[in-house]
Amino acid sequence: PLSQEAAEYYRGQRVPQRVEEALNALFPLCPADLYGALANYLSTFSKAPVICKLAGRKVLDGVGKPTLEVEIYCTVKNYEKRICSAIMSSHSHVPENASPEITEGDEKERNDTVTTAVEWVNESLNTMLRDLKPTDQCEIDKMLGEYFRKKVEEKKEIQKEEEEEAAPLSCAPSAPSAPSGKKKAAKPGKKTSSTERTLPPAEPIEPVLCGSLAIGGTSLAVAKAGATINDIPLYLHIALLKYNQDSPKEMTLPRPMITLLNCEKFSPAKLKLVKEVMLIPPAQLSLRQPPALKRVSHLGCLITGWDNLEQPLLLMQTACNNIGLELGTDMCLVKGKYEILTGTFKSPDEMVDMYVELINKFPSITALVDPLRKEDRQQWNNICCALGSKCYLIAEDAATNISKIKIDQNMNVPMCSGVVLKYINQTKVSDLIEFTGLLDGQRHITILGSPDGESSDDSLVDLAVGLGARFIKLGGLSRGERVTKYNRLLAIEEELAKNRTLRMSFFLTLFSAWEEAEEMKERVCTNLLWLSKRKTKEN
């Protein structure tokens, strides 16, 4: 009979024994909600949640452009339950002053890549990750990486076939070219420079595979789901993934790089070198203490033009003096990305000399972000030797994507103090963990930066805290997608302080380039040991 089958089934699952254990454990407590207490007790014996569905959809980022959202559903105690979602920030390499044709092409490419990413998530990745535990971040990221590699190979095969089909057309005889004659004279008034001809050419922009957003979005969503399942904050989940240990006793917060001045590129002013000027509150200040701006633009900062390099720096110096702050002690300046001065062309060596003079005149400048192109490797070495003990020299655009930044356990970036990492495209959480481990071993600082197309997802802050980033670059104190991240940073600071796990960081730890070179061999060995131990634990 059915009742006998049911009794045998329950005995096989040890249900009577579990219920008796629960009643014996709960009787002395006399809980007000007995059945709730029983449910909680018995739930500890339930199966671990597994992924049952991924859902991808096209949403808008902070500037109204399409991007990807990935939702994760898990089977929890026999029910399908939505756990979390992650929204990817989009990133574009198109310059601000690009022609309408280039901008239109970029918009079409963006739409195509988001559409393809939604298809990947809803079809292939949805099937591939079904029944896997969201807490198995490393294993899932390996599968995502392998899937992406296959897509790259498929793309190469398609391109190869297209080239072969087009080859017969290129064999047609071409019309003979006219004799060259005399060399064409330069236009009157145009200046030429021997240094310009010897500059190394700019490296081509790295191609982005259509649909790659699906890899980064899914990896981040899995990390958020793992934290939710384990009932811990995302930053703590990331820290445990990185260090493979119990809950850390202390954690530090990244110092925010707050944009206060934006040097408008299209103004009639002469200065084109500085893109933005940022302030960094020192470690001894709480994140709630930095001065607030009362009148700001939609970018969260004052936008204006300047006629020389000293004007924005002198303005910042005067403003801080007016509110009783001392630059270099209470606040530190950061000079952002550079362009050549209007009408003035400087060689890379001349740029190094100019920066040395600038730092000597304004010692409160804490960091230079992208002072040179990444192709000017020798000048990066020179500026590190000259200024490495006085300020941070940060590579942002001078660094490549995380997925290509590591070559043979070393960094494919110029000599610098640190690197700005951005979570975009096919970047996975495991990539961030691995690369920040390499940066830590080489005494480089990590800065997590928000991409151009920001979203309301505040996971970037948790990633920065969990990975132990020294700084976080979020932009100005304005607009919802930025303020959300600043508020998340404040909430984490409050939580760590309440738990007595907040450790003050001393971010002005500078060292010279030649000191770094002496210790390079030892740090590389440390990196390799760290990676080998990590891979051993993963296997």
Protein backbone atom coordinates (compact mmCIF):
# COMPACT_ATOMS: atom_id res chain seq x y z
CA PRO A 1 0.00 0.00 0.00
CA LEU A 2 0.92 3.64 -0.47
CA SER A 3 1.31 4.33 3.25
CA GLN A 4 3.86 1.56 3.59
CA GLU A 5 5.84 2.86 0.62
CA ALA A 6 5.77 6.34 2.14
CA ALA A 7 7.00 5.02 5.50
CA GLU A 8 9.87 3.16 3.82
CA TYR A 9 10.79 6.29 1.83
CA TYR A 10 10.88 8.49 4.94
CA ARG A 11 12.90 5.92 6.86
CA GLY A 12 15.34 5.72 3.96
CA GLN A 13 15.76 9.52 4.15
CA ARG A 14 16.13 9.31 7.97
CA VAL A 15 13.17 11.68 8.42
CA PRO A 16 11.88 10.20 11.74
CA GLN A 17 15.38 10.38 13.21
CA ARG A 18 15.85 13.99 12.06
CA VAL A 19 12.46 15.05 13.48
CA GLU A 20 13.22 13.40 16.83
CA GLU A 21 16.62 15.14 16.95
CA ALA A 22 14.96 18.47 16.14
CA LEU A 23 12.29 18.08 18.83
CA ASN A 24 14.88 17.13 21.45
CA ALA A 25 17.06 20.11 20.50
CA LEU A 26 14.20 22.62 20.42
CA PHE A 27 12.21 21.51 23.51
CA PRO A 28 14.45 23.27 26.09
CA LEU A 29 14.23 26.49 24.06
CA CYS A 30 10.43 26.51 23.77
CA PRO A 31 10.48 28.71 20.61
CA ALA A 32 7.47 30.94 20.02
CA ASP A 33 7.19 29.65 16.43
CA LEU A 34 7.73 25.91 16.81
CA TYR A 35 7.08 25.03 13.18
CA GLY A 36 9.32 27.85 11.99
CA ALA A 37 12.08 26.54 14.24
CA LEU A 38 11.53 23.01 12.91
CA ALA A 39 11.69 24.29 9.34
CA ASN A 40 14.96 26.10 10.06
CA TYR A 41 16.46 23.03 11.68
CA LEU A 42 15.45 20.63 8.92
CA SER A 43 16.57 23.06 6.20
CA THR A 44 20.17 22.49 7.29
CA PHE A 45 19.88 19.01 5.78
CA SER A 46 18.47 20.20 2.46
CA LYS A 47 20.45 20.02 -0.78
CA ALA A 48 22.67 22.94 -1.75
CA PRO A 49 21.02 25.38 -4.19
CA VAL A 50 21.91 24.87 -7.84
CA ILE A 51 21.47 27.08 -10.88
CA CYS A 52 18.27 26.27 -12.75
CA LYS A 53 18.02 29.21 -15.17
CA LEU A 54 19.91 32.19 -16.55
CA ALA A 55 17.99 35.11 -18.02
CA GLY A 56 19.65 37.78 -20.13
CA ARG A 57 18.01 41.00 -21.23
CA LYS A 58 18.93 44.27 -22.86
CA VAL A 59 18.82 47.25 -20.47
CA LEU A 60 20.14 50.83 -20.50
CA ASP A 61 23.27 52.09 -18.80
CA GLY A 62 23.75 55.46 -17.08
CA VAL A 63 24.00 57.36 -20.36
CA GLY A 64 21.03 55.67 -22.01
CA LYS A 65 22.98 53.19 -24.13
CA PRO A 66 22.18 49.46 -24.30
CA THR A 67 23.98 47.01 -22.07
CA LEU A 68 23.40 43.53 -20.60
CA GLU A 69 21.66 42.36 -17.44
CA VAL A 70 22.04 38.74 -16.31
CA GLU A 71 19.60 37.21 -13.81
CA ILE A 72 20.29 33.96 -11.96
CA TYR A 73 17.57 31.60 -10.74
CA CYS A 74 18.37 28.68 -8.43
CA THR A 75 16.50 25.64 -7.22
CA VAL A 76 16.20 26.24 -3.48
CA LYS A 77 14.37 23.60 -1.42
CA ASN A 78 12.55 22.31 -4.52
CA TYR A 79 11.42 25.79 -5.64
CA GLU A 80 12.74 27.96 -8.44
CA LYS A 81 13.87 31.25 -6.89
CA ARG A 82 15.37 34.41 -8.37
CA ILE A 83 18.62 35.01 -6.51
CA CYS A 84 20.17 38.14 -8.00
CA SER A 85 21.10 40.00 -11.17
CA ALA A 86 24.18 41.81 -12.48
CA ILE A 87 24.30 44.69 -14.96
CA MET A 88 27.47 45.14 -17.01
CA SER A 89 28.99 48.57 -17.53
CA SER A 90 29.70 49.20 -21.20
CA HIS A 91 33.00 50.57 -22.42
CA SER A 92 33.80 52.33 -25.68
CA HIS A 93 37.13 53.15 -27.32
CA VAL A 94 35.58 55.80 -29.57
CA PRO A 95 37.05 59.25 -28.77
CA GLU A 96 34.77 62.07 -27.64
CA ASN A 97 35.46 64.11 -30.78
CA ALA A 98 34.83 61.25 -33.21
CA SER A 99 33.02 61.90 -36.48
CA PRO A 100 29.28 61.15 -36.75
CA GLU A 101 30.02 58.17 -39.00
CA ILE A 102 32.33 56.59 -36.41
CA THR A 103 29.86 57.28 -33.59
CA GLU A 104 27.00 55.76 -35.59
CA GLY A 105 29.10 52.67 -36.34
CA ASP A 106 29.95 52.30 -32.65
CA GLU A 107 26.28 52.48 -31.69
CA LYS A 108 25.40 49.76 -34.20
CA GLU A 109 28.26 47.59 -32.94
CA ARG A 110 27.13 48.12 -29.35
CA ASN A 111 23.56 47.06 -30.20
CA ASP A 112 24.83 43.98 -32.02
CA THR A 113 27.12 42.89 -29.17
CA VAL A 114 24.35 43.30 -26.56
CA THR A 115 21.87 41.39 -28.72
CA THR A 116 24.39 38.57 -29.20
CA ALA A 117 25.21 38.56 -25.48
CA VAL A 118 21.52 38.15 -24.61
CA GLU A 119 21.34 35.17 -26.98
CA TRP A 120 24.43 33.55 -25.43
CA VAL A 121 23.01 33.91 -21.92
CA ASN A 122 19.50 32.68 -22.73
CA GLU A 123 20.63 29.76 -24.85
CA SER A 124 24.15 28.29 -24.59
CA LEU A 125 25.15 29.52 -21.13
CA ASN A 126 21.73 28.77 -19.68
CA THR A 127 22.12 25.12 -20.71
CA MET A 128 25.81 24.89 -19.84
CA LEU A 129 25.51 26.12 -16.24
CA ARG A 130 22.29 24.36 -15.30
CA ASP A 131 22.53 22.24 -12.10
CA LEU A 132 25.88 23.78 -11.10
CA LYS A 133 26.38 25.33 -7.67
CA PRO A 134 26.75 29.13 -7.81
CA THR A 135 29.37 28.84 -5.07
CA ASP A 136 31.73 27.03 -7.50
CA GLN A 137 33.07 30.29 -8.96
CA CYS A 138 36.41 28.93 -10.20
CA GLU A 139 34.85 25.96 -12.01
CA ILE A 140 32.16 28.09 -13.64
CA ASP A 141 34.70 30.72 -14.73
CA LYS A 142 36.81 27.98 -16.34
CA MET A 143 33.77 26.85 -18.33
CA LEU A 144 32.99 30.42 -19.34
CA GLY A 145 36.59 30.92 -20.45
CA GLU A 146 36.53 27.76 -22.54
CA TYR A 147 33.22 28.77 -24.10
CA PHE A 148 34.65 32.17 -25.02
CA ARG A 149 37.78 30.61 -26.55
CA LYS A 150 35.59 28.44 -28.77
CA LYS A 151 33.65 31.52 -29.90
CA VAL A 152 36.92 33.28 -30.74
CA GLU A 153 38.03 30.28 -32.82
CA GLU A 154 34.68 30.20 -34.61
CA LYS A 155 35.08 33.88 -35.44
CA LYS A 156 38.57 33.28 -36.81
CA GLU A 157 37.31 30.45 -39.01
CA ILE A 158 34.55 32.65 -40.40
CA GLN A 159 37.02 35.44 -41.15
CA LYS A 160 39.37 32.97 -42.82
CA GLU A 161 36.59 31.67 -45.07
CA GLU A 162 35.57 35.22 -46.00
CA GLU A 163 39.17 36.10 -46.87
CA GLU A 164 39.49 32.98 -49.05
CA GLU A 165 36.28 33.86 -50.88
CA ALA A 166 37.49 37.40 -51.48
CA ALA A 167 40.96 36.29 -52.64
CA PRO A 168 40.06 35.64 -56.34
CA LEU A 169 38.71 39.19 -56.63
CA SER A 170 41.98 40.66 -55.38
CA CYS A 171 43.94 38.82 -58.13
CA ALA A 172 42.46 41.00 -60.90
CA PRO A 173 45.10 43.15 -62.67
CA SER A 174 45.21 46.69 -61.41
CA ALA A 175 45.69 49.81 -63.53
CA PRO A 176 49.32 50.96 -63.79
CA SER A 177 50.16 53.77 -61.43
CA ALA A 178 51.36 57.12 -62.75
CA PRO A 179 55.05 57.96 -62.40
CA SER A 180 55.81 59.49 -59.03
CA GLY A 181 57.80 62.44 -60.37
CA LYS A 182 59.01 64.96 -57.85
CA LYS A 183 58.31 64.58 -54.16
CA LYS A 184 55.21 66.46 -53.10
CA ALA A 185 56.11 69.59 -51.17
CA ALA A 186 54.74 70.15 -47.69
CA LYS A 187 51.94 72.63 -47.23
CA PRO A 188 53.17 76.11 -46.35
CA GLY A 189 53.14 76.88 -42.65
CA LYS A 190 53.04 73.22 -41.55
CA LYS A 191 55.72 72.33 -39.02
CA THR A 192 57.54 69.01 -39.06
CA SER A 193 59.58 67.49 -36.28
CA SER A 194 62.21 64.81 -36.38
CA THR A 195 61.00 63.50 -33.03
CA GLU A 196 57.50 62.89 -34.45
CA ARG A 197 58.90 60.62 -37.14
CA THR A 198 60.75 58.49 -34.60
CA LEU A 199 57.77 57.95 -32.29
CA PRO A 200 56.60 54.32 -32.10
CA PRO A 201 53.21 53.89 -33.76
CA ALA A 202 50.16 53.58 -31.56
CA GLU A 203 49.12 50.02 -30.87
CA PRO A 204 45.85 49.05 -32.59
CA ILE A 205 42.70 48.95 -30.52
CA GLU A 206 42.08 45.44 -29.28
CA PRO A 207 39.11 43.90 -31.06
CA VAL A 208 36.10 43.02 -28.92
CA LEU A 209 34.23 39.84 -29.80
CA CYS A 210 30.54 40.45 -30.39
CA GLY A 211 28.68 39.04 -27.38
CA SER A 212 31.62 39.10 -24.96
CA LEU A 213 29.53 40.99 -22.40
CA ALA A 214 27.79 37.68 -21.66
CA ILE A 215 30.96 36.21 -20.13
CA GLY A 216 31.63 39.08 -17.73
CA GLY A 217 27.96 39.51 -16.85
CA THR A 218 27.44 35.83 -16.09
CA SER A 219 30.63 35.55 -14.00
CA LEU A 220 29.65 38.57 -11.90
CA ALA A 221 26.09 37.32 -11.47
CA VAL A 222 27.42 33.95 -10.29
CA ALA A 223 29.64 35.70 -7.72
CA LYS A 224 26.68 37.69 -6.41
CA ALA A 225 24.57 34.53 -6.27
CA GLY A 226 27.31 32.69 -4.36
CA ALA A 227 27.44 35.48 -1.78
CA THR A 228 23.65 35.46 -1.44
CA ILE A 229 23.52 31.67 -1.02
CA ASN A 230 26.26 31.82 1.64
CA ASP A 231 24.44 34.74 3.32
CA ILE A 232 27.53 36.96 3.34
CA PRO A 233 28.31 40.32 1.68
CA LEU A 234 29.78 40.18 -1.82
CA TYR A 235 33.05 41.83 -0.71
CA LEU A 236 33.62 39.11 1.89
CA HIS A 237 32.76 36.39 -0.64
CA ILE A 238 35.35 37.84 -3.05
CA ALA A 239 37.98 38.04 -0.29
CA LEU A 240 37.42 34.37 0.59
CA LEU A 241 37.70 33.39 -3.08
CA LYS A 242 40.98 35.29 -3.40
CA TYR A 243 42.72 34.11 -0.26
CA ASN A 244 41.15 30.64 0.22
CA GLN A 245 40.87 31.17 3.95
CA ASP A 246 38.42 31.88 6.74
CA SER A 247 36.86 35.28 7.20
CA PRO A 248 39.67 37.88 7.30
CA LYS A 249 40.29 39.52 10.66
CA GLU A 250 40.74 42.97 9.13
CA MET A 251 39.92 44.63 5.82
CA THR A 252 40.91 47.97 4.30
CA LEU A 253 38.77 50.25 2.19
CA PRO A 254 39.93 51.63 -1.17
CA ARG A 255 40.39 55.38 -1.13
CA PRO A 256 38.07 57.08 -3.64
CA MET A 257 39.52 59.16 -6.45
CA ILE A 258 36.92 61.94 -6.64
CA THR A 259 36.77 63.99 -9.84
CA LEU A 260 36.41 67.69 -9.07
CA LEU A 261 37.58 69.41 -12.26
CA ASN A 262 37.01 68.32 -15.84
CA CYS A 263 39.04 70.17 -18.46
CA GLU A 264 36.62 70.48 -21.38
CA LYS A 265 38.22 69.33 -24.62
CA PHE A 266 36.04 71.44 -26.91
CA SER A 267 36.46 74.77 -25.14
CA PRO A 268 38.43 77.60 -26.82
CA ALA A 269 41.01 77.39 -24.03
CA LYS A 270 44.53 76.23 -24.87
CA LEU A 271 45.14 73.47 -22.33
CA LYS A 272 44.63 70.00 -23.81
CA LEU A 273 47.00 68.02 -21.60
CA VAL A 274 44.80 67.46 -18.55
CA LYS A 275 41.50 65.64 -18.83
CA GLU A 276 40.49 65.75 -15.17
CA VAL A 277 41.77 66.64 -11.72
CA MET A 278 40.81 64.37 -8.83
CA LEU A 279 41.13 64.53 -5.06
CA ILE A 280 42.01 61.61 -2.77
CA PRO A 281 41.01 61.82 0.91
CA PRO A 282 43.87 60.52 3.08
CA ALA A 283 43.61 57.35 5.11
CA GLN A 284 43.14 59.12 8.43
CA LEU A 285 39.82 60.61 7.26
CA SER A 286 36.58 58.66 7.25
CA LEU A 287 34.98 58.41 3.83
CA ARG A 288 32.13 60.54 5.17
CA GLN A 289 34.46 63.48 5.79
CA PRO A 290 35.66 64.62 2.30
CA PRO A 291 34.32 68.10 1.33
CA ALA A 292 31.13 68.05 -0.70
CA LEU A 293 30.46 70.12 -3.83
CA LYS A 294 27.34 72.29 -3.80
CA ARG A 295 27.27 73.32 -7.46
CA VAL A 296 28.27 70.57 -9.85
CA SER A 297 27.52 69.55 -13.43
CA HIS A 298 25.91 66.29 -14.53
CA LEU A 299 29.43 64.83 -14.47
CA GLY A 300 29.72 65.62 -10.78
CA CYS A 301 32.45 68.23 -11.26
CA LEU A 302 33.17 71.73 -12.48
CA ILE A 303 33.69 71.78 -16.25
CA THR A 304 35.73 74.59 -17.72
CA GLY A 305 38.70 75.32 -19.94
CA TRP A 306 42.20 76.42 -19.04
CA ASP A 307 44.99 78.24 -20.81
CA ASN A 308 47.91 76.55 -19.05
CA LEU A 309 48.72 73.57 -16.88
CA GLU A 310 49.08 75.51 -13.63
CA GLN A 311 45.61 77.14 -13.63
CA PRO A 312 43.53 74.11 -12.51
CA LEU A 313 46.14 73.14 -9.94
CA LEU A 314 46.31 76.65 -8.51
CA LEU A 315 42.51 76.74 -8.36
CA MET A 316 42.45 73.51 -6.37
CA GLN A 317 45.17 74.86 -4.08
CA THR A 318 43.22 78.07 -3.45
CA ALA A 319 39.93 76.22 -2.88
CA CYS A 320 41.49 73.92 -0.30
CA ASN A 321 43.12 76.86 1.48
CA ASN A 322 39.75 78.65 1.65
CA ILE A 323 38.16 75.73 3.54
CA GLY A 324 41.14 75.13 5.80
CA LEU A 325 42.57 72.05 4.12
CA GLU A 326 46.21 71.56 3.23
CA LEU A 327 46.97 69.86 -0.06
CA GLY A 328 49.24 66.88 0.42
CA THR A 329 48.09 66.43 4.03
CA ASP A 330 44.29 66.72 4.17
CA MET A 331 43.75 66.18 0.44
CA CYS A 332 45.91 64.94 -2.42
CA LEU A 333 45.71 65.86 -6.09
CA VAL A 334 45.64 63.43 -8.96
CA LYS A 335 46.33 64.56 -12.52
CA GLY A 336 44.35 62.61 -15.08
CA LYS A 337 44.90 61.56 -18.71
CA TYR A 338 46.84 63.82 -21.05
CA GLU A 339 46.73 65.26 -24.54
CA ILE A 340 49.30 67.41 -26.36
CA LEU A 341 48.95 71.15 -25.72
CA THR A 342 47.21 73.07 -28.48
CA GLY A 343 49.87 74.35 -30.84
CA THR A 344 52.66 72.78 -28.82
CA PHE A 345 54.16 69.41 -29.62
CA LYS A 346 56.45 67.70 -27.14
CA SER A 347 58.45 64.54 -27.57
CA PRO A 348 58.09 61.79 -24.93
CA ASP A 349 61.43 62.82 -23.40
CA GLU A 350 60.24 66.42 -23.17
CA MET A 351 57.04 65.24 -21.52
CA VAL A 352 59.08 63.49 -18.82
CA ASP A 353 61.00 66.70 -18.12
CA MET A 354 57.74 68.65 -17.96
CA TYR A 355 56.22 66.24 -15.43
CA VAL A 356 59.33 66.39 -13.25
CA GLU A 357 59.07 70.17 -13.21
CA LEU A 358 55.33 69.98 -12.46
CA ILE A 359 55.76 67.63 -9.48
CA ASN A 360 58.56 69.79 -8.08
CA LYS A 361 56.30 72.84 -8.27
CA PHE A 362 53.18 71.04 -6.96
CA PRO A 363 54.39 68.34 -4.51
CA SER A 364 50.76 67.76 -3.43
CA ILE A 365 50.16 65.84 -6.68
CA THR A 366 49.88 62.26 -5.48
CA ALA A 367 49.47 60.44 -8.78
CA LEU A 368 49.72 60.86 -12.53
CA VAL A 369 47.28 58.75 -14.51
CA ASP A 370 48.47 57.87 -18.03
CA PRO A 371 51.22 60.52 -18.18
CA LEU A 372 52.49 58.88 -21.40
CA ARG A 373 51.28 56.56 -24.13
CA LYS A 374 51.76 52.87 -23.43
CA GLU A 375 53.99 52.64 -26.53
CA ASP A 376 56.59 54.97 -24.94
CA ARG A 377 58.07 52.20 -22.76
CA GLN A 378 61.49 53.80 -22.35
CA GLN A 379 59.95 57.08 -21.17
CA TRP A 380 57.81 55.19 -18.66
CA ASN A 381 61.04 53.76 -17.28
CA ASN A 382 62.56 57.24 -17.18
CA ILE A 383 59.61 58.86 -15.42
CA CYS A 384 59.48 56.03 -12.86
CA CYS A 385 63.16 56.55 -12.05
CA ALA A 386 62.62 60.31 -11.75
CA LEU A 387 59.28 60.44 -9.91
CA GLY A 388 58.60 56.93 -8.59
CA SER A 389 59.49 57.92 -5.03
CA LYS A 390 57.39 61.14 -5.16
CA CYS A 391 54.03 60.11 -6.65
CA TYR A 392 52.13 57.19 -8.09
CA LEU A 393 52.45 56.62 -11.84
CA ILE A 394 49.27 54.87 -12.91
CA ALA A 395 48.53 53.07 -16.19
CA GLU A 396 44.87 53.18 -17.25
CA ASP A 397 44.56 53.47 -21.02
CA ALA A 398 48.26 52.57 -21.07
CA ALA A 399 47.26 49.12 -19.80
CA THR A 400 45.54 46.52 -21.95
CA ASN A 401 42.42 44.51 -21.09
CA ILE A 402 42.72 42.22 -18.10
CA SER A 403 42.32 39.14 -20.27
CA LYS A 404 45.46 40.10 -22.26
CA ILE A 405 47.44 41.97 -19.64
CA LYS A 406 49.23 38.88 -18.28
CA ILE A 407 51.93 37.16 -20.33
CA ASP A 408 53.90 34.25 -18.83
CA GLN A 409 53.02 35.21 -15.25
CA ASN A 410 54.21 38.77 -15.84
CA MET A 411 52.40 42.01 -16.65
CA ASN A 412 52.23 43.33 -20.18
CA VAL A 413 52.18 46.96 -19.04
CA PRO A 414 54.79 49.73 -18.91
CA MET A 415 56.88 50.17 -15.76
CA CYS A 416 54.48 51.90 -13.36
CA SER A 417 53.28 52.07 -9.77
CA GLY A 418 49.89 50.55 -10.40
CA VAL A 419 47.15 49.72 -12.88
CA VAL A 420 43.51 50.76 -13.26
CA LEU A 421 41.42 47.62 -13.81
CA LYS A 422 37.96 47.76 -15.38
CA TYR A 423 35.41 44.98 -15.29
CA ILE A 424 34.28 44.89 -18.93
CA ASN A 425 33.50 42.48 -21.77
CA GLN A 426 34.86 38.95 -21.20
CA THR A 427 36.57 39.77 -17.90
CA LYS A 428 35.72 37.18 -15.24
CA VAL A 429 35.84 37.42 -11.46
CA SER A 430 38.60 34.81 -11.42
CA ASP A 431 40.64 37.01 -13.80
CA LEU A 432 40.45 39.87 -11.31
CA ILE A 433 41.45 37.59 -8.45
CA GLU A 434 44.44 36.18 -10.34
CA PHE A 435 45.70 39.48 -11.66
CA THR A 436 45.38 41.39 -8.39
CA GLY A 437 47.37 38.56 -6.80
CA LEU A 438 50.15 39.24 -9.31
CA LEU A 439 49.96 42.98 -8.62
CA ASP A 440 50.17 42.37 -4.87
CA GLY A 441 53.23 40.19 -5.32
CA GLN A 442 54.99 42.85 -7.41
CA ARG A 443 54.16 45.68 -4.98
CA HIS A 444 51.98 47.38 -7.56
CA ILE A 445 48.79 49.04 -6.39
CA THR A 446 45.39 48.08 -7.74
CA ILE A 447 42.82 50.68 -8.75
CA LEU A 448 39.36 49.56 -9.81
CA GLY A 449 37.85 52.02 -12.25
CA SER A 450 34.32 52.52 -13.45
CA PRO A 451 33.95 52.21 -17.25
CA ASP A 452 32.53 55.00 -19.40
CA GLY A 453 29.04 53.52 -19.66
CA GLU A 454 28.29 53.17 -15.96
CA SER A 455 25.33 51.26 -14.60
CA SER A 456 23.41 51.34 -11.33
CA ASP A 457 25.01 48.05 -10.27
CA ASP A 458 27.24 48.77 -7.25
CA SER A 459 29.16 45.46 -7.36
CA LEU A 460 32.34 47.29 -8.40
CA VAL A 461 32.70 48.62 -4.85
CA ASP A 462 32.42 45.14 -3.32
CA LEU A 463 34.96 43.86 -5.83
CA ALA A 464 37.39 46.64 -4.87
CA VAL A 465 37.03 45.95 -1.15
CA GLY A 466 37.21 42.17 -1.47
CA LEU A 467 40.25 42.29 -3.77
CA GLY A 468 42.06 44.75 -1.49
CA ALA A 469 42.31 47.53 -4.09
CA ARG A 470 44.19 50.62 -2.93
CA PHE A 471 41.96 53.10 -4.79
CA ILE A 472 38.60 53.14 -6.55
CA LYS A 473 37.96 55.57 -9.41
CA LEU A 474 34.27 56.39 -9.65
CA GLY A 475 34.13 59.95 -10.98
CA GLY A 476 32.28 62.93 -9.49
CA LEU A 477 29.78 63.02 -6.64
CA SER A 478 26.76 63.28 -8.90
CA ARG A 479 24.28 61.13 -10.88
CA GLY A 480 22.54 58.08 -9.54
CA GLU A 481 24.87 55.42 -10.93
CA ARG A 482 27.86 57.08 -9.22
CA VAL A 483 26.18 58.08 -5.97
CA THR A 484 24.93 54.50 -5.59
CA LYS A 485 28.53 53.28 -5.58
CA TYR A 486 29.70 55.99 -3.16
CA ASN A 487 26.80 55.09 -0.84
CA ARG A 488 27.77 51.43 -1.02
CA LEU A 489 31.33 52.37 -0.04
CA LEU A 490 29.97 54.28 2.96
CA ALA A 491 27.77 51.34 3.96
CA ILE A 492 30.71 48.92 3.85
CA GLU A 493 32.83 51.31 5.93
CA GLU A 494 30.06 51.46 8.54
CA GLU A 495 29.65 47.68 8.56
CA LEU A 496 33.38 46.99 8.96
CA ALA A 497 33.67 49.61 11.70
CA LYS A 498 30.72 48.06 13.53
CA ASN A 499 32.31 44.60 13.30
CA ARG A 500 35.70 46.04 14.38
CA THR A 501 37.33 44.68 11.22
CA LEU A 502 38.12 48.02 9.57
CA ARG A 503 41.86 48.65 9.20
CA MET A 504 43.23 52.06 8.28
CA SER A 505 45.45 52.00 5.18
CA PHE A 506 48.59 54.02 4.62
CA PHE A 507 48.21 54.72 0.93
CA LEU A 508 51.27 56.94 0.45
CA THR A 509 53.73 54.04 0.36
CA LEU A 510 56.05 55.04 -2.47
CA PHE A 511 59.26 53.38 -3.59
CA SER A 512 61.80 54.07 -6.28
CA ALA A 513 62.02 52.27 -9.60
CA TRP A 514 65.52 50.96 -9.02
CA GLU A 515 64.47 49.54 -5.63
CA GLU A 516 61.70 47.70 -7.46
CA ALA A 517 64.12 46.35 -10.07
CA GLU A 518 66.38 44.91 -7.37
CA GLU A 519 63.49 42.95 -5.88
CA MET A 520 61.83 41.91 -9.14
CA LYS A 521 63.35 38.44 -9.23
CA GLU A 522 62.18 37.64 -5.71
CA ARG A 523 58.64 38.92 -6.39
CA VAL A 524 58.29 36.89 -9.59
CA CYS A 525 59.18 33.76 -7.63
CA THR A 526 56.57 34.73 -5.03
CA ASN A 527 53.95 35.19 -7.75
CA LEU A 528 54.63 31.80 -9.28
CA LEU A 529 54.46 30.15 -5.84
CA TRP A 530 51.15 31.92 -5.11
CA LEU A 531 49.66 30.78 -8.41
CA SER A 532 50.86 27.20 -8.03
CA LYS A 533 49.38 26.94 -4.54
CA ARG A 534 46.10 28.38 -5.76
CA LYS A 535 45.87 25.99 -8.72
CA THR A 536 46.74 23.05 -6.44
CA LYS A 537 43.84 23.96 -4.14
CA GLU A 538 41.49 24.39 -7.10
CA ASN A 539 42.39 20.95 -8.44
